[in-house]
Amino acid sequence: MRARDKAAVSALRGTLAALDNAEAVPVDEAVHRAAALEASPAGAGATEAVRRELSECDVVQIVRAEAAERLAAAAELSAPAHADRAGRLRAEAAVLLRFLDGESDAGTENDRS
């Protein structure tokens, strides 16, 4: 596997997790503290909550924040011993920014042939 692919996988996994977390609905702690065990919901899906729907603008902001976080972390790794890690973080940020710029489609056309 090429190093570029590892950076893409890492960046996309982290960003998908951030998007998943952003869709989560905050749990009302008061409801859970007051309920007795016998009053708890039971059955498949009884405790599931409808997740938030993110707008396209929300998704873009989260992806930009993930890229900015990686670039900031890379900038802090100034010691020569951390050059590899800083390079990986910059590569991950580049992958995310490429998706925002719409250049991700150009790379997938080559893989189809």
PDB file of N, CA and C in Angstrom:
ATOM      1  N   MET A   1       0.850  -1.180   0.000  1.00  0.00           N
ATOM      2  CA  MET A   1       0.000   0.000   0.000  1.00  0.00           C
ATOM      3  C   MET A   1       0.897   1.247   0.000  1.00  0.00           C
ATOM      4  N   ARG A   2       0.567   2.204  -0.820  1.00  0.00           N
ATOM      5  CA  ARG A   2       1.357   3.428  -0.891  1.00  0.00           C
ATOM      6  C   ARG A   2       1.111   4.282   0.353  1.00  0.00           C
ATOM      7  N   ALA A   3       2.080   5.085   0.705  1.00  0.00           N
ATOM      8  CA  ALA A   3       1.972   5.955   1.883  1.00  0.00           C
ATOM      9  C   ALA A   3       0.806   6.925   1.719  1.00  0.00           C
ATOM     10  N   ARG A   4       0.551   7.356   0.494  1.00  0.00           N
ATOM     11  CA  ARG A   4      -0.550   8.284   0.241  1.00  0.00           C
ATOM     12  C   ARG A   4      -1.885   7.649   0.620  1.00  0.00           C
ATOM     13  N   ASP A   5      -2.035   6.376   0.342  1.00  0.00           N
ATOM     14  CA  ASP A   5      -3.275   5.686   0.666  1.00  0.00           C
ATOM     15  C   ASP A   5      -3.462   5.557   2.168  1.00  0.00           C
ATOM     16  N   LYS A   6      -2.381   5.314   2.897  1.00  0.00           N
ATOM     17  CA  LYS A   6      -2.466   5.227   4.350  1.00  0.00           C
ATOM     18  C   LYS A   6      -2.911   6.553   4.938  1.00  0.00           C
ATOM     19  N   ALA A   7      -2.403   7.635   4.398  1.00  0.00           N
ATOM     20  CA  ALA A   7      -2.795   8.960   4.874  1.00  0.00           C
ATOM     21  C   ALA A   7      -4.274   9.204   4.593  1.00  0.00           C
ATOM     22  N   ALA A   8      -4.736   8.791   3.427  1.00  0.00           N
ATOM     23  CA  ALA A   8      -6.143   8.980   3.076  1.00  0.00           C
ATOM     24  C   ALA A   8      -7.041   8.167   3.997  1.00  0.00           C
ATOM     25  N   VAL A   9      -6.665   6.922   4.243  1.00  0.00           N
ATOM     26  CA  VAL A   9      -7.474   6.066   5.120  1.00  0.00           C
ATOM     27  C   VAL A   9      -7.547   6.658   6.514  1.00  0.00           C
ATOM     28  N   SER A  10      -6.428   7.087   7.039  1.00  0.00           N
ATOM     29  CA  SER A  10      -6.390   7.663   8.380  1.00  0.00           C
ATOM     30  C   SER A  10      -7.222   8.945   8.457  1.00  0.00           C
ATOM     31  N   ALA A  11      -7.067   9.807   7.472  1.00  0.00           N
ATOM     32  CA  ALA A  11      -7.806  11.071   7.457  1.00  0.00           C
ATOM     33  C   ALA A  11      -9.306  10.830   7.342  1.00  0.00           C
ATOM     34  N   LEU A  12      -9.687   9.916   6.470  1.00  0.00           N
ATOM     35  CA  LEU A  12     -11.115   9.660   6.267  1.00  0.00           C
ATOM     36  C   LEU A  12     -11.739   8.976   7.475  1.00  0.00           C
ATOM     37  N   ARG A  13     -11.029   8.054   8.100  1.00  0.00           N
ATOM     38  CA  ARG A  13     -11.562   7.404   9.300  1.00  0.00           C
ATOM     39  C   ARG A  13     -11.792   8.421  10.411  1.00  0.00           C
ATOM     40  N   GLY A  14     -10.818   9.270  10.640  1.00  0.00           N
ATOM     41  CA  GLY A  14     -10.950  10.284  11.681  1.00  0.00           C
ATOM     42  C   GLY A  14     -12.067  11.266  11.398  1.00  0.00           C
ATOM     43  N   THR A  15     -12.194  11.655  10.146  1.00  0.00           N
ATOM     44  CA  THR A  15     -13.236  12.610   9.774  1.00  0.00           C
ATOM     45  C   THR A  15     -14.621  11.983   9.844  1.00  0.00           C
ATOM     46  N   LEU A  16     -14.740  10.734   9.433  1.00  0.00           N
ATOM     47  CA  LEU A  16     -16.030  10.046   9.555  1.00  0.00           C
ATOM     48  C   LEU A  16     -16.439   9.924  11.020  1.00  0.00           C
ATOM     49  N   ALA A  17     -15.489   9.680  11.896  1.00  0.00           N
ATOM     50  CA  ALA A  17     -15.790   9.621  13.325  1.00  0.00           C
ATOM     51  C   ALA A  17     -16.257  10.984  13.837  1.00  0.00           C
ATOM     52  N   ALA A  18     -15.609  12.053  13.379  1.00  0.00           N
ATOM     53  CA  ALA A  18     -16.017  13.402  13.788  1.00  0.00           C
ATOM     54  C   ALA A  18     -17.429  13.716  13.297  1.00  0.00           C
ATOM     55  N   LEU A  19     -17.746  13.306  12.072  1.00  0.00           N
ATOM     56  CA  LEU A  19     -19.097  13.515  11.541  1.00  0.00           C
ATOM     57  C   LEU A  19     -20.115  12.694  12.324  1.00  0.00           C
ATOM     58  N   ASP A  20     -19.759  11.476  12.648  1.00  0.00           N
ATOM     59  CA  ASP A  20     -20.641  10.624  13.431  1.00  0.00           C
ATOM     60  C   ASP A  20     -20.910  11.236  14.802  1.00  0.00           C
ATOM     61  N   ASN A  21     -19.869  11.759  15.436  1.00  0.00           N
ATOM     62  CA  ASN A  21     -20.038  12.419  16.733  1.00  0.00           C
ATOM     63  C   ASN A  21     -20.907  13.667  16.621  1.00  0.00           C
ATOM     64  N   ALA A  22     -20.784  14.398  15.543  1.00  0.00           N
ATOM     65  CA  ALA A  22     -21.581  15.612  15.357  1.00  0.00           C
ATOM     66  C   ALA A  22     -23.060  15.294  15.167  1.00  0.00           C
ATOM     67  N   GLU A  23     -23.361  14.113  14.652  1.00  0.00           N
ATOM     68  CA  GLU A  23     -24.757  13.715  14.455  1.00  0.00           C
ATOM     69  C   GLU A  23     -25.408  13.224  15.738  1.00  0.00           C
ATOM     70  N   ALA A  24     -24.612  12.919  16.750  1.00  0.00           N
ATOM     71  CA  ALA A  24     -25.151  12.378  17.999  1.00  0.00           C
ATOM     72  C   ALA A  24     -26.018  13.423  18.703  1.00  0.00           C
ATOM     73  N   VAL A  25     -27.056  12.940  19.326  1.00  0.00           N
ATOM     74  CA  VAL A  25     -27.967  13.804  20.069  1.00  0.00           C
ATOM     75  C   VAL A  25     -27.535  13.791  21.528  1.00  0.00           C
ATOM     76  N   PRO A  26     -27.411  14.966  22.165  1.00  0.00           N
ATOM     77  CA  PRO A  26     -27.010  14.980  23.573  1.00  0.00           C
ATOM     78  C   PRO A  26     -28.040  14.237  24.433  1.00  0.00           C
ATOM     79  N   VAL A  27     -27.535  13.491  25.384  1.00  0.00           N
ATOM     80  CA  VAL A  27     -28.403  12.733  26.269  1.00  0.00           C
ATOM     81  C   VAL A  27     -28.786  13.616  27.447  1.00  0.00           C
ATOM     82  N   ASP A  28     -30.076  13.625  27.757  1.00  0.00           N
ATOM     83  CA  ASP A  28     -30.560  14.387  28.898  1.00  0.00           C
ATOM     84  C   ASP A  28     -30.275  13.579  30.161  1.00  0.00           C
ATOM     85  N   GLU A  29     -29.310  14.038  30.962  1.00  0.00           N
ATOM     86  CA  GLU A  29     -28.875  13.278  32.124  1.00  0.00           C
ATOM     87  C   GLU A  29     -29.963  13.171  33.178  1.00  0.00           C
ATOM     88  N   ALA A  30     -30.817  14.158  33.305  1.00  0.00           N
ATOM     89  CA  ALA A  30     -31.853  14.143  34.336  1.00  0.00           C
ATOM     90  C   ALA A  30     -32.808  12.975  34.141  1.00  0.00           C
ATOM     91  N   VAL A  31     -33.114  12.649  32.911  1.00  0.00           N
ATOM     92  CA  VAL A  31     -34.035  11.546  32.630  1.00  0.00           C
ATOM     93  C   VAL A  31     -33.442  10.225  33.086  1.00  0.00           C
ATOM     94  N   HIS A  32     -32.147  10.018  32.841  1.00  0.00           N
ATOM     95  CA  HIS A  32     -31.510   8.756  33.180  1.00  0.00           C
ATOM     96  C   HIS A  32     -31.282   8.597  34.678  1.00  0.00           C
ATOM     97  N   ARG A  33     -31.042   9.690  35.392  1.00  0.00           N
ATOM     98  CA  ARG A  33     -30.816   9.600  36.822  1.00  0.00           C
ATOM     99  C   ARG A  33     -32.100   9.279  37.576  1.00  0.00           C
ATOM    100  N   ALA A  34     -33.213   9.835  37.115  1.00  0.00           N
ATOM    101  CA  ALA A  34     -34.465   9.694  37.837  1.00  0.00           C
ATOM    102  C   ALA A  34     -35.134   8.348  37.587  1.00  0.00           C
ATOM    103  N   ALA A  35     -34.831   7.709  36.502  1.00  0.00           N
ATOM    104  CA  ALA A  35     -35.517   6.473  36.142  1.00  0.00           C
ATOM    105  C   ALA A  35     -34.973   5.279  36.928  1.00  0.00           C
ATOM    106  N   ALA A  36     -35.892   4.493  37.448  1.00  0.00           N
ATOM    107  CA  ALA A  36     -35.511   3.260  38.141  1.00  0.00           C
ATOM    108  C   ALA A  36     -35.283   2.174  37.101  1.00  0.00           C
ATOM    109  N   LEU A  37     -34.608   1.133  37.499  1.00  0.00           N
ATOM    110  CA  LEU A  37     -34.287   0.052  36.580  1.00  0.00           C
ATOM    111  C   LEU A  37     -35.544  -0.560  35.986  1.00  0.00           C
ATOM    112  N   GLU A  38     -36.560  -0.769  36.804  1.00  0.00           N
ATOM    113  CA  GLU A  38     -37.783  -1.385  36.288  1.00  0.00           C
ATOM    114  C   GLU A  38     -38.560  -0.463  35.350  1.00  0.00           C
ATOM    115  N   ALA A  39     -38.266   0.833  35.379  1.00  0.00           N
ATOM    116  CA  ALA A  39     -38.944   1.774  34.487  1.00  0.00           C
ATOM    117  C   ALA A  39     -38.157   2.017  33.197  1.00  0.00           C
ATOM    118  N   SER A  40     -37.011   1.347  33.072  1.00  0.00           N
ATOM    119  CA  SER A  40     -36.174   1.521  31.886  1.00  0.00           C
ATOM    120  C   SER A  40     -36.846   0.909  30.666  1.00  0.00           C
ATOM    121  N   PRO A  41     -36.626   1.498  29.497  1.00  0.00           N
ATOM    122  CA  PRO A  41     -37.186   0.916  28.278  1.00  0.00           C
ATOM    123  C   PRO A  41     -36.535  -0.428  27.980  1.00  0.00           C
ATOM    124  N   ALA A  42     -37.296  -1.301  27.376  1.00  0.00           N
ATOM    125  CA  ALA A  42     -36.774  -2.630  27.048  1.00  0.00           C
ATOM    126  C   ALA A  42     -37.119  -2.969  25.609  1.00  0.00           C
ATOM    127  N   GLY A  43     -36.343  -3.856  25.018  1.00  0.00           N
ATOM    128  CA  GLY A  43     -36.605  -4.288  23.650  1.00  0.00           C
ATOM    129  C   GLY A  43     -35.613  -3.704  22.676  1.00  0.00           C
ATOM    130  N   ALA A  44     -35.612  -4.296  21.496  1.00  0.00           N
ATOM    131  CA  ALA A  44     -34.689  -3.859  20.449  1.00  0.00           C
ATOM    132  C   ALA A  44     -35.009  -2.444  20.014  1.00  0.00           C
ATOM    133  N   GLY A  45     -34.023  -1.569  20.079  1.00  0.00           N
ATOM    134  CA  GLY A  45     -34.190  -0.193  19.621  1.00  0.00           C
ATOM    135  C   GLY A  45     -34.896   0.718  20.600  1.00  0.00           C
ATOM    136  N   ALA A  46     -35.214   0.237  21.794  1.00  0.00           N
ATOM    137  CA  ALA A  46     -35.954   1.054  22.752  1.00  0.00           C
ATOM    138  C   ALA A  46     -35.156   2.265  23.213  1.00  0.00           C
ATOM    139  N   THR A  47     -33.866   2.176  23.209  1.00  0.00           N
ATOM    140  CA  THR A  47     -33.046   3.291  23.675  1.00  0.00           C
ATOM    141  C   THR A  47     -32.429   4.091  22.537  1.00  0.00           C
ATOM    142  N   GLU A  48     -32.802   3.789  21.311  1.00  0.00           N
ATOM    143  CA  GLU A  48     -32.261   4.515  20.156  1.00  0.00           C
ATOM    144  C   GLU A  48     -32.892   5.902  20.065  1.00  0.00           C
ATOM    145  N   ALA A  49     -32.089   6.862  19.653  1.00  0.00           N
ATOM    146  CA  ALA A  49     -32.574   8.224  19.448  1.00  0.00           C
ATOM    147  C   ALA A  49     -32.337   8.606  17.994  1.00  0.00           C
ATOM    148  N   VAL A  50     -33.201   9.449  17.490  1.00  0.00           N
ATOM    149  CA  VAL A  50     -33.026   9.943  16.128  1.00  0.00           C
ATOM    150  C   VAL A  50     -31.800  10.838  16.114  1.00  0.00           C
ATOM    151  N   ARG A  51     -30.927  10.601  15.156  1.00  0.00           N
ATOM    152  CA  ARG A  51     -29.699  11.377  15.065  1.00  0.00           C
ATOM    153  C   ARG A  51     -29.958  12.694  14.328  1.00  0.00           C
ATOM    154  N   ARG A  52     -29.123  13.675  14.615  1.00  0.00           N
ATOM    155  CA  ARG A  52     -29.220  14.966  13.935  1.00  0.00           C
ATOM    156  C   ARG A  52     -28.837  14.800  12.476  1.00  0.00           C
ATOM    157  N   GLU A  53     -29.449  15.561  11.622  1.00  0.00           N
ATOM    158  CA  GLU A  53     -29.047  15.594  10.212  1.00  0.00           C
ATOM    159  C   GLU A  53     -28.173  16.820  10.008  1.00  0.00           C
ATOM    160  N   LEU A  54     -26.998  16.600   9.486  1.00  0.00           N
ATOM    161  CA  LEU A  54     -26.072  17.694   9.236  1.00  0.00           C
ATOM    162  C   LEU A  54     -26.319  18.279   7.853  1.00  0.00           C
ATOM    163  N   SER A  55     -26.267  19.590   7.777  1.00  0.00           N
ATOM    164  CA  SER A  55     -26.383  20.243   6.477  1.00  0.00           C
ATOM    165  C   SER A  55     -25.042  20.127   5.762  1.00  0.00           C
ATOM    166  N   GLU A  56     -25.049  20.431   4.488  1.00  0.00           N
ATOM    167  CA  GLU A  56     -23.801  20.395   3.725  1.00  0.00           C
ATOM    168  C   GLU A  56     -22.791  21.381   4.313  1.00  0.00           C
ATOM    169  N   CYS A  57     -23.291  22.519   4.766  1.00  0.00           N
ATOM    170  CA  CYS A  57     -22.420  23.528   5.380  1.00  0.00           C
ATOM    171  C   CYS A  57     -21.788  22.979   6.662  1.00  0.00           C
ATOM    172  N   ASP A  58     -22.577  22.259   7.478  1.00  0.00           N
ATOM    173  CA  ASP A  58     -22.044  21.649   8.696  1.00  0.00           C
ATOM    174  C   ASP A  58     -20.934  20.656   8.369  1.00  0.00           C
ATOM    175  N   VAL A  59     -21.168  19.829   7.364  1.00  0.00           N
ATOM    176  CA  VAL A  59     -20.183  18.821   6.969  1.00  0.00           C
ATOM    177  C   VAL A  59     -18.897  19.494   6.501  1.00  0.00           C
ATOM    178  N   VAL A  60     -19.019  20.523   5.687  1.00  0.00           N
ATOM    179  CA  VAL A  60     -17.833  21.240   5.185  1.00  0.00           C
ATOM    180  C   VAL A  60     -17.063  21.851   6.349  1.00  0.00           C
ATOM    181  N   GLN A  61     -17.782  22.432   7.317  1.00  0.00           N
ATOM    182  CA  GLN A  61     -17.110  23.030   8.471  1.00  0.00           C
ATOM    183  C   GLN A  61     -16.357  21.986   9.287  1.00  0.00           C
ATOM    184  N   ILE A  62     -16.954  20.817   9.464  1.00  0.00           N
ATOM    185  CA  ILE A  62     -16.304  19.754  10.229  1.00  0.00           C
ATOM    186  C   ILE A  62     -15.065  19.253   9.502  1.00  0.00           C
ATOM    187  N   VAL A  63     -15.167  19.062   8.189  1.00  0.00           N
ATOM    188  CA  VAL A  63     -14.021  18.586   7.414  1.00  0.00           C
ATOM    189  C   VAL A  63     -12.903  19.631   7.439  1.00  0.00           C
ATOM    190  N   ARG A  64     -13.253  20.904   7.294  1.00  0.00           N
ATOM    191  CA  ARG A  64     -12.240  21.968   7.374  1.00  0.00           C
ATOM    192  C   ARG A  64     -11.579  21.996   8.754  1.00  0.00           C
ATOM    193  N   ALA A  65     -12.377  21.815   9.800  1.00  0.00           N
ATOM    194  CA  ALA A  65     -11.833  21.809  11.167  1.00  0.00           C
ATOM    195  C   ALA A  65     -10.874  20.628  11.360  1.00  0.00           C
ATOM    196  N   GLU A  66     -11.219  19.476  10.804  1.00  0.00           N
ATOM    197  CA  GLU A  66     -10.341  18.309  10.901  1.00  0.00           C
ATOM    198  C   GLU A  66      -9.017  18.577  10.178  1.00  0.00           C
ATOM    199  N   ALA A  67      -9.081  19.186   9.002  1.00  0.00           N
ATOM    200  CA  ALA A  67      -7.861  19.507   8.254  1.00  0.00           C
ATOM    201  C   ALA A  67      -7.026  20.544   9.017  1.00  0.00           C
ATOM    202  N   ALA A  68      -7.688  21.560   9.556  1.00  0.00           N
ATOM    203  CA  ALA A  68      -6.975  22.601  10.304  1.00  0.00           C
ATOM    204  C   ALA A  68      -6.327  22.018  11.558  1.00  0.00           C
ATOM    205  N   GLU A  69      -7.009  21.086  12.206  1.00  0.00           N
ATOM    206  CA  GLU A  69      -6.460  20.437  13.396  1.00  0.00           C
ATOM    207  C   GLU A  69      -5.182  19.660  13.054  1.00  0.00           C
ATOM    208  N   ARG A  70      -5.189  18.973  11.936  1.00  0.00           N
ATOM    209  CA  ARG A  70      -4.013  18.218  11.517  1.00  0.00           C
ATOM    210  C   ARG A  70      -2.850  19.149  11.155  1.00  0.00           C
ATOM    211  N   LEU A  71      -3.165  20.258  10.470  1.00  0.00           N
ATOM    212  CA  LEU A  71      -2.112  21.210  10.108  1.00  0.00           C
ATOM    213  C   LEU A  71      -1.518  21.875  11.344  1.00  0.00           C
ATOM    214  N   ALA A  72      -2.365  22.195  12.325  1.00  0.00           N
ATOM    215  CA  ALA A  72      -1.880  22.805  13.559  1.00  0.00           C
ATOM    216  C   ALA A  72      -0.994  21.836  14.336  1.00  0.00           C
ATOM    217  N   ALA A  73      -1.406  20.580  14.392  1.00  0.00           N
ATOM    218  CA  ALA A  73      -0.596  19.572  15.077  1.00  0.00           C
ATOM    219  C   ALA A  73       0.733  19.378  14.367  1.00  0.00           C
ATOM    220  N   ALA A  74       0.731  19.389  13.048  1.00  0.00           N
ATOM    221  CA  ALA A  74       1.972  19.238  12.284  1.00  0.00           C
ATOM    222  C   ALA A  74       2.903  20.421  12.533  1.00  0.00           C
ATOM    223  N   ALA A  75       2.346  21.609  12.657  1.00  0.00           N
ATOM    224  CA  ALA A  75       3.161  22.797  12.898  1.00  0.00           C
ATOM    225  C   ALA A  75       3.832  22.738  14.270  1.00  0.00           C
ATOM    226  N   GLU A  76       3.173  22.101  15.234  1.00  0.00           N
ATOM    227  CA  GLU A  76       3.745  21.987  16.576  1.00  0.00           C
ATOM    228  C   GLU A  76       4.868  20.951  16.648  1.00  0.00           C
ATOM    229  N   LEU A  77       4.907  20.033  15.709  1.00  0.00           N
ATOM    230  CA  LEU A  77       5.935  18.991  15.702  1.00  0.00           C
ATOM    231  C   LEU A  77       7.169  19.493  14.964  1.00  0.00           C
ATOM    232  N   SER A  78       7.931  20.334  15.622  1.00  0.00           N
ATOM    233  CA  SER A  78       9.078  20.953  14.951  1.00  0.00           C
ATOM    234  C   SER A  78      10.373  20.167  15.136  1.00  0.00           C
ATOM    235  N   ALA A  79      10.406  19.258  16.083  1.00  0.00           N
ATOM    236  CA  ALA A  79      11.634  18.489  16.327  1.00  0.00           C
ATOM    237  C   ALA A  79      11.887  17.537  15.156  1.00  0.00           C
ATOM    238  N   PRO A  80      13.155  17.361  14.775  1.00  0.00           N
ATOM    239  CA  PRO A  80      13.475  16.451  13.665  1.00  0.00           C
ATOM    240  C   PRO A  80      12.995  15.023  13.898  1.00  0.00           C
ATOM    241  N   ALA A  81      12.904  14.617  15.144  1.00  0.00           N
ATOM    242  CA  ALA A  81      12.444  13.260  15.455  1.00  0.00           C
ATOM    243  C   ALA A  81      10.977  13.058  15.075  1.00  0.00           C
ATOM    244  N   HIS A  82      10.243  14.147  14.950  1.00  0.00           N
ATOM    245  CA  HIS A  82       8.813  14.073  14.642  1.00  0.00           C
ATOM    246  C   HIS A  82       8.502  14.427  13.194  1.00  0.00           C
ATOM    247  N   ALA A  83       9.504  14.496  12.353  1.00  0.00           N
ATOM    248  CA  ALA A  83       9.304  14.903  10.957  1.00  0.00           C
ATOM    249  C   ALA A  83       8.367  13.954  10.214  1.00  0.00           C
ATOM    250  N   ASP A  84       8.483  12.654  10.456  1.00  0.00           N
ATOM    251  CA  ASP A  84       7.601  11.685   9.786  1.00  0.00           C
ATOM    252  C   ASP A  84       6.152  11.900  10.173  1.00  0.00           C
ATOM    253  N   ARG A  85       5.912  12.072  11.467  1.00  0.00           N
ATOM    254  CA  ARG A  85       4.534  12.276  11.953  1.00  0.00           C
ATOM    255  C   ARG A  85       3.963  13.572  11.398  1.00  0.00           C
ATOM    256  N   ALA A  86       4.763  14.627  11.382  1.00  0.00           N
ATOM    257  CA  ALA A  86       4.304  15.913  10.837  1.00  0.00           C
ATOM    258  C   ALA A  86       3.967  15.773   9.356  1.00  0.00           C
ATOM    259  N   GLY A  87       4.780  15.027   8.626  1.00  0.00           N
ATOM    260  CA  GLY A  87       4.515  14.796   7.203  1.00  0.00           C
ATOM    261  C   GLY A  87       3.221  14.031   6.986  1.00  0.00           C
ATOM    262  N   ARG A  88       2.970  13.020   7.834  1.00  0.00           N
ATOM    263  CA  ARG A  88       1.713  12.258   7.723  1.00  0.00           C
ATOM    264  C   ARG A  88       0.512  13.146   8.004  1.00  0.00           C
ATOM    265  N   LEU A  89       0.629  14.013   9.016  1.00  0.00           N
ATOM    266  CA  LEU A  89      -0.485  14.915   9.337  1.00  0.00           C
ATOM    267  C   LEU A  89      -0.755  15.885   8.187  1.00  0.00           C
ATOM    268  N   ARG A  90       0.298  16.390   7.574  1.00  0.00           N
ATOM    269  CA  ARG A  90       0.124  17.297   6.423  1.00  0.00           C
ATOM    270  C   ARG A  90      -0.510  16.560   5.245  1.00  0.00           C
ATOM    271  N   ALA A  91      -0.118  15.311   5.040  1.00  0.00           N
ATOM    272  CA  ALA A  91      -0.704  14.509   3.959  1.00  0.00           C
ATOM    273  C   ALA A  91      -2.182  14.251   4.217  1.00  0.00           C
ATOM    274  N   GLU A  92      -2.536  13.970   5.468  1.00  0.00           N
ATOM    275  CA  GLU A  92      -3.946  13.755   5.812  1.00  0.00           C
ATOM    276  C   GLU A  92      -4.759  15.030   5.578  1.00  0.00           C
ATOM    277  N   ALA A  93      -4.201  16.167   5.976  1.00  0.00           N
ATOM    278  CA  ALA A  93      -4.893  17.442   5.763  1.00  0.00           C
ATOM    279  C   ALA A  93      -5.075  17.705   4.266  1.00  0.00           C
ATOM    280  N   ALA A  94      -4.072  17.377   3.475  1.00  0.00           N
ATOM    281  CA  ALA A  94      -4.170  17.573   2.023  1.00  0.00           C
ATOM    282  C   ALA A  94      -5.278  16.714   1.431  1.00  0.00           C
ATOM    283  N   VAL A  95      -5.424  15.487   1.926  1.00  0.00           N
ATOM    284  CA  VAL A  95      -6.503  14.603   1.445  1.00  0.00           C
ATOM    285  C   VAL A  95      -7.854  15.236   1.727  1.00  0.00           C
ATOM    286  N   LEU A  96      -8.046  15.726   2.938  1.00  0.00           N
ATOM    287  CA  LEU A  96      -9.337  16.324   3.302  1.00  0.00           C
ATOM    288  C   LEU A  96      -9.615  17.582   2.494  1.00  0.00           C
ATOM    289  N   LEU A  97      -8.607  18.402   2.322  1.00  0.00           N
ATOM    290  CA  LEU A  97      -8.795  19.634   1.545  1.00  0.00           C
ATOM    291  C   LEU A  97      -9.071  19.330   0.075  1.00  0.00           C
ATOM    292  N   ARG A  98      -8.496  18.246  -0.440  1.00  0.00           N
ATOM    293  CA  ARG A  98      -8.761  17.845  -1.821  1.00  0.00           C
ATOM    294  C   ARG A  98     -10.233  17.455  -1.988  1.00  0.00           C
ATOM    295  N   PHE A  99     -10.787  16.799  -0.990  1.00  0.00           N
ATOM    296  CA  PHE A  99     -12.210  16.452  -1.062  1.00  0.00           C
ATOM    297  C   PHE A  99     -13.077  17.702  -1.083  1.00  0.00           C
ATOM    298  N   LEU A 100     -12.702  18.693  -0.308  1.00  0.00           N
ATOM    299  CA  LEU A 100     -13.478  19.938  -0.284  1.00  0.00           C
ATOM    300  C   LEU A 100     -13.367  20.690  -1.596  1.00  0.00           C
ATOM    301  N   ASP A 101     -12.221  20.583  -2.248  1.00  0.00           N
ATOM    302  CA  ASP A 101     -12.013  21.279  -3.521  1.00  0.00           C
ATOM    303  C   ASP A 101     -12.612  20.535  -4.704  1.00  0.00           C
ATOM    304  N   GLY A 102     -13.087  19.305  -4.475  1.00  0.00           N
ATOM    305  CA  GLY A 102     -13.702  18.540  -5.552  1.00  0.00           C
ATOM    306  C   GLY A 102     -12.716  17.807  -6.421  1.00  0.00           C
ATOM    307  N   GLU A 103     -11.460  17.719  -6.007  1.00  0.00           N
ATOM    308  CA  GLU A 103     -10.451  17.039  -6.805  1.00  0.00           C
ATOM    309  C   GLU A 103     -10.446  15.524  -6.563  1.00  0.00           C
ATOM    310  N   SER A 104     -11.257  15.050  -5.637  1.00  0.00           N
ATOM    311  CA  SER A 104     -11.243  13.619  -5.323  1.00  0.00           C
ATOM    312  C   SER A 104     -11.760  12.792  -6.482  1.00  0.00           C
ATOM    313  N   ASP A 105     -12.601  13.367  -7.332  1.00  0.00           N
ATOM    314  CA  ASP A 105     -13.145  12.612  -8.470  1.00  0.00           C
ATOM    315  C   ASP A 105     -12.070  12.304  -9.510  1.00  0.00           C
ATOM    316  N   ALA A 106     -11.079  13.158  -9.625  1.00  0.00           N
ATOM    317  CA  ALA A 106     -10.027  12.944 -10.625  1.00  0.00           C
ATOM    318  C   ALA A 106      -9.209  11.702 -10.298  1.00  0.00           C
ATOM    319  N   GLY A 107      -8.975  11.434  -9.006  1.00  0.00           N
ATOM    320  CA  GLY A 107      -8.201  10.267  -8.619  1.00  0.00           C
ATOM    321  C   GLY A 107      -8.953   8.977  -8.788  1.00  0.00           C
ATOM    322  N   THR A 108     -10.274   8.997  -8.672  1.00  0.00           N
ATOM    323  CA  THR A 108     -11.045   7.749  -8.782  1.00  0.00           C
ATOM    324  C   THR A 108     -11.210   7.320 -10.213  1.00  0.00           C
ATOM    325  N   GLU A 109     -11.103   8.223 -11.169  1.00  0.00           N
ATOM    326  CA  GLU A 109     -11.242   7.838 -12.578  1.00  0.00           C
ATOM    327  C   GLU A 109     -10.077   6.967 -13.010  1.00  0.00           C
ATOM    328  N   ASN A 110      -8.882   7.259 -12.492  1.00  0.00           N
ATOM    329  CA  ASN A 110      -7.708   6.458 -12.839  1.00  0.00           C
ATOM    330  C   ASN A 110      -7.798   5.062 -12.263  1.00  0.00           C
ATOM    331  N   ASP A 111      -8.433   4.888 -11.126  1.00  0.00           N
ATOM    332  CA  ASP A 111      -8.548   3.589 -10.475  1.00  0.00           C
ATOM    333  C   ASP A 111      -9.544   2.685 -11.178  1.00  0.00           C
ATOM    334  N   ARG A 112     -10.443   3.238 -11.952  1.00  0.00           N
ATOM    335  CA  ARG A 112     -11.491   2.451 -12.617  1.00  0.00           C
ATOM    336  C   ARG A 112     -10.987   1.745 -13.859  1.00  0.00           C
ATOM    337  N   SER A 113      -9.902   2.231 -14.448  1.00  0.00           N
ATOM    338  CA  SER A 113      -9.435   1.629 -15.707  1.00  0.00           C
ATOM    339  C   SER A 113      -8.724   0.324 -15.529  1.00  0.00           C
TER     340      SER A 113
END
